[in-house]
Amino acid sequence: MTITVKCQTRQEDSKPRALRRQGLIPATLYGHDGAASISLTLDGKEAQNLLKKASVNNTLIDLNIPEIDWNGKALIREVQAHPWKRTLYHLSFFSVAAQKKIKVAVQLKMVGQALGVKKGGLIEQTISEIEVECSPDNIPESIEIDMSPMDIGTRLHVGELELPPGVSALGDTSTTIFSIIAPAKMVPTETEAEE
């Protein structure tokens, strides 16, 4: 999924609070020109809508900056927001246009009911996303895990995942994603024990 976002350049002396009062969210773009960065603003409503559809380090965005005649693909690298009001303070974008391979976090999505769960087992999930490396135009929205053949005692590790072509997992491949464990035996009550 690619989302198109239009930004404006931000004046050097502009104050972030003043911009937010005007309904604008300060933002920064990195990686479009070597180590240089550019200060931007985008409409507050557009920023909120963007965050409903896009996730950090995962969704490819078509970033358009008409004032400097720049258009390219970028990822949201960081979102700064109020801890509980969720008011947006700042967004950071990273250009991936010149990158052959990028590192992104991808959600793991379990589909189907595990055989072990049907038998009364419990799923003990350790991680819900993994970091992968792939080309910018090949970012998976999620990685599906078919749970139906998984029985009690099954453990799935990162290295056992079926990844799309051109996508490779980063980090420790022996990390456990989940285990299906047998249900804890019921402890008998005093009455049951006497009987």
Protein backbone atom coordinates (compact mmCIF):
# COMPACT_ATOMS: atom_id res chain seq x y z
CA MET A 1 0.00 0.00 0.00
CA THR A 2 1.38 3.43 -0.95
CA ILE A 3 -0.09 6.70 0.34
CA THR A 4 0.51 10.11 -1.24
CA VAL A 5 1.28 13.01 1.10
CA LYS A 6 1.92 16.64 0.19
CA CYS A 7 4.23 18.74 2.40
CA GLN A 8 5.45 22.34 2.44
CA THR A 9 8.91 23.56 3.39
CA ARG A 10 9.14 25.16 6.84
CA GLN A 11 10.81 28.51 7.52
CA GLU A 12 13.90 28.31 9.74
CA ASP A 13 12.53 30.75 12.35
CA SER A 14 9.06 29.17 12.62
CA LYS A 15 8.08 27.93 16.10
CA PRO A 16 6.57 24.42 16.34
CA ARG A 17 3.84 25.54 18.81
CA ALA A 18 2.77 28.40 16.56
CA LEU A 19 2.59 26.00 13.61
CA ARG A 20 0.44 23.55 15.58
CA ARG A 21 -1.93 26.39 16.55
CA GLN A 22 -2.34 27.04 12.80
CA GLY A 23 -3.30 23.38 12.27
CA LEU A 24 0.10 22.41 10.84
CA ILE A 25 2.37 19.60 12.03
CA PRO A 26 6.15 20.11 11.86
CA ALA A 27 8.03 17.34 10.05
CA THR A 28 11.54 16.53 8.84
CA LEU A 29 12.75 14.59 5.81
CA TYR A 30 16.09 12.75 6.00
CA GLY A 31 18.03 10.81 3.38
CA HIS A 32 16.79 12.65 0.29
CA ASP A 33 20.14 14.41 -0.22
CA GLY A 34 22.94 12.55 1.55
CA ALA A 35 23.22 13.65 5.18
CA ALA A 36 21.14 16.81 4.61
CA SER A 37 17.67 17.15 6.13
CA ILE A 38 14.81 19.45 5.26
CA SER A 39 12.23 20.98 7.62
CA LEU A 40 8.63 20.57 6.50
CA THR A 41 5.04 21.08 7.59
CA LEU A 42 1.92 19.15 6.69
CA ASP A 43 -1.73 19.75 7.38
CA GLY A 44 -2.77 18.43 10.81
CA LYS A 45 -5.83 16.57 9.48
CA GLU A 46 -3.79 15.02 6.69
CA ALA A 47 -1.18 13.92 9.25
CA GLN A 48 -3.88 12.28 11.43
CA ASN A 49 -5.35 10.49 8.39
CA LEU A 50 -1.88 9.37 7.35
CA LEU A 51 -1.26 7.75 10.74
CA LYS A 52 -4.59 5.90 10.56
CA LYS A 53 -3.44 4.22 7.32
CA ALA A 54 0.34 4.06 7.72
CA SER A 55 2.56 2.52 10.35
CA VAL A 56 6.06 3.53 11.43
CA ASN A 57 8.89 1.86 9.49
CA ASN A 58 6.47 -0.17 7.39
CA THR A 59 4.22 1.78 5.00
CA LEU A 60 5.71 3.31 1.86
CA ILE A 61 4.62 6.93 1.32
CA ASP A 62 4.81 9.01 -1.86
CA LEU A 63 6.09 12.29 -0.43
CA ASN A 64 5.56 15.36 -2.58
CA ILE A 65 7.28 18.71 -1.80
CA PRO A 66 6.26 21.09 -4.65
CA GLU A 67 8.33 24.07 -3.40
CA ILE A 68 11.64 22.28 -3.96
CA ASP A 69 10.29 20.16 -6.81
CA TRP A 70 10.98 16.91 -4.92
CA ASN A 71 8.87 13.78 -5.08
CA GLY A 72 9.95 10.40 -3.77
CA LYS A 73 9.21 7.37 -1.67
CA ALA A 74 9.66 7.64 2.09
CA LEU A 75 8.90 5.82 5.34
CA ILE A 76 7.70 7.35 8.60
CA ARG A 77 10.69 6.87 10.92
CA GLU A 78 9.35 8.54 14.07
CA VAL A 79 6.10 9.97 15.45
CA GLN A 80 6.22 12.35 18.41
CA ALA A 81 2.89 12.75 20.20
CA HIS A 82 1.50 13.63 23.62
CA PRO A 83 1.63 10.45 25.78
CA TRP A 84 -2.11 10.23 26.51
CA LYS A 85 -3.87 12.98 24.55
CA ARG A 86 -2.24 11.56 21.37
CA THR A 87 -1.84 15.14 20.06
CA LEU A 88 0.71 15.06 17.25
CA TYR A 89 3.91 17.08 17.78
CA HIS A 90 6.26 16.03 14.98
CA LEU A 91 6.82 13.48 12.19
CA SER A 92 10.13 12.28 10.76
CA PHE A 93 10.31 10.85 7.24
CA PHE A 94 13.20 8.92 5.69
CA SER A 95 13.64 8.87 1.92
CA VAL A 96 14.11 5.39 0.48
CA ALA A 97 14.21 6.49 -3.18
CA ALA A 98 17.97 5.93 -3.49
CA GLN A 99 18.07 2.84 -1.27
CA LYS A 100 18.42 -0.60 -2.85
CA LYS A 101 17.53 -2.35 0.42
CA ILE A 102 15.87 -1.02 3.56
CA LYS A 103 15.19 -2.38 7.04
CA VAL A 104 11.56 -2.33 8.15
CA ALA A 105 9.45 -3.79 10.96
CA VAL A 106 6.63 -6.05 9.75
CA GLN A 107 3.66 -7.32 11.77
CA LEU A 108 3.12 -11.06 12.12
CA LYS A 109 -0.47 -12.10 11.44
CA MET A 110 -1.80 -15.45 12.66
CA VAL A 111 -4.51 -16.99 10.49
CA GLY A 112 -6.62 -20.09 11.11
CA GLN A 113 -7.22 -21.98 14.36
CA ALA A 114 -4.34 -24.13 15.58
CA LEU A 115 -4.93 -27.87 15.98
CA GLY A 116 -3.38 -27.65 19.46
CA VAL A 117 -5.86 -24.93 20.49
CA LYS A 118 -8.77 -27.14 19.40
CA LYS A 119 -7.37 -29.75 21.79
CA GLY A 120 -7.34 -27.22 24.63
CA GLY A 121 -3.79 -25.90 24.24
CA LEU A 122 -2.81 -22.26 24.67
CA ILE A 123 -0.80 -20.00 22.37
CA GLU A 124 2.08 -18.28 24.13
CA GLN A 125 3.20 -15.50 21.76
CA THR A 126 6.63 -13.95 22.35
CA ILE A 127 6.88 -11.40 19.51
CA SER A 128 4.30 -9.77 17.22
CA GLU A 129 6.61 -8.26 14.60
CA ILE A 130 10.01 -8.91 13.04
CA GLU A 131 12.60 -6.73 11.34
CA VAL A 132 13.20 -7.58 7.70
CA GLU A 133 15.35 -6.32 4.84
CA CYS A 134 13.87 -5.83 1.38
CA SER A 135 13.70 -3.39 -1.52
CA PRO A 136 11.50 -0.28 -0.93
CA ASP A 137 8.89 -1.48 -3.44
CA ASN A 138 8.65 -4.94 -1.85
CA ILE A 139 7.63 -4.15 1.76
CA PRO A 140 5.11 -6.75 2.99
CA GLU A 141 2.11 -5.24 4.83
CA SER A 142 2.24 -8.23 7.16
CA ILE A 143 3.58 -11.79 7.25
CA GLU A 144 0.88 -14.43 7.60
CA ILE A 145 1.40 -17.57 9.65
CA ASP A 146 -0.98 -20.47 8.94
CA MET A 147 -1.84 -21.77 12.41
CA SER A 148 -4.10 -24.68 11.40
CA PRO A 149 -1.46 -27.51 11.39
CA MET A 150 0.18 -26.37 14.67
CA ASP A 151 -0.26 -28.89 17.50
CA ILE A 152 0.49 -28.83 21.24
CA GLY A 153 4.26 -28.67 21.72
CA THR A 154 4.87 -26.72 18.49
CA ARG A 155 7.37 -23.85 18.61
CA LEU A 156 7.83 -21.54 15.66
CA HIS A 157 11.10 -19.64 15.26
CA VAL A 158 11.87 -16.60 13.08
CA GLY A 159 14.10 -18.74 10.84
CA GLU A 160 11.16 -21.07 10.05
CA LEU A 161 8.91 -18.33 8.66
CA GLU A 162 7.88 -18.48 5.02
CA LEU A 163 8.86 -15.02 3.78
CA PRO A 164 7.90 -13.46 0.44
CA PRO A 165 10.57 -13.55 -2.31
CA GLY A 166 13.20 -10.83 -1.86
CA VAL A 167 12.45 -10.43 1.88
CA SER A 168 14.93 -11.67 4.50
CA ALA A 169 14.61 -11.70 8.28
CA LEU A 170 17.15 -9.78 10.35
CA GLY A 171 18.37 -10.49 13.86
CA ASP A 172 18.44 -13.83 15.67
CA THR A 173 16.62 -16.45 13.56
CA SER A 174 16.36 -18.76 16.60
CA THR A 175 14.01 -16.28 18.36
CA THR A 176 10.72 -18.00 19.25
CA ILE A 177 7.63 -16.33 17.79
CA PHE A 178 5.15 -18.50 19.68
CA SER A 179 4.68 -21.87 21.37
CA ILE A 180 1.52 -23.93 21.75
CA ILE A 181 1.51 -25.25 25.29
CA ALA A 182 -0.65 -27.83 27.02
CA PRO A 183 -3.27 -26.38 29.37
CA ALA A 184 -2.29 -26.32 33.05
CA LYS A 185 -3.95 -29.23 34.87
CA MET A 186 -6.77 -28.18 37.15
CA VAL A 187 -5.85 -28.33 40.84
CA PRO A 188 -8.57 -30.38 42.61
CA THR A 189 -10.55 -28.69 45.36
CA GLU A 190 -10.52 -30.17 48.92
CA THR A 191 -13.97 -31.77 48.39
CA GLU A 192 -12.89 -33.41 45.11
CA ALA A 193 -9.69 -34.66 46.76
CA GLU A 194 -11.69 -36.25 49.64
CA GLU A 195 -14.02 -38.01 47.20
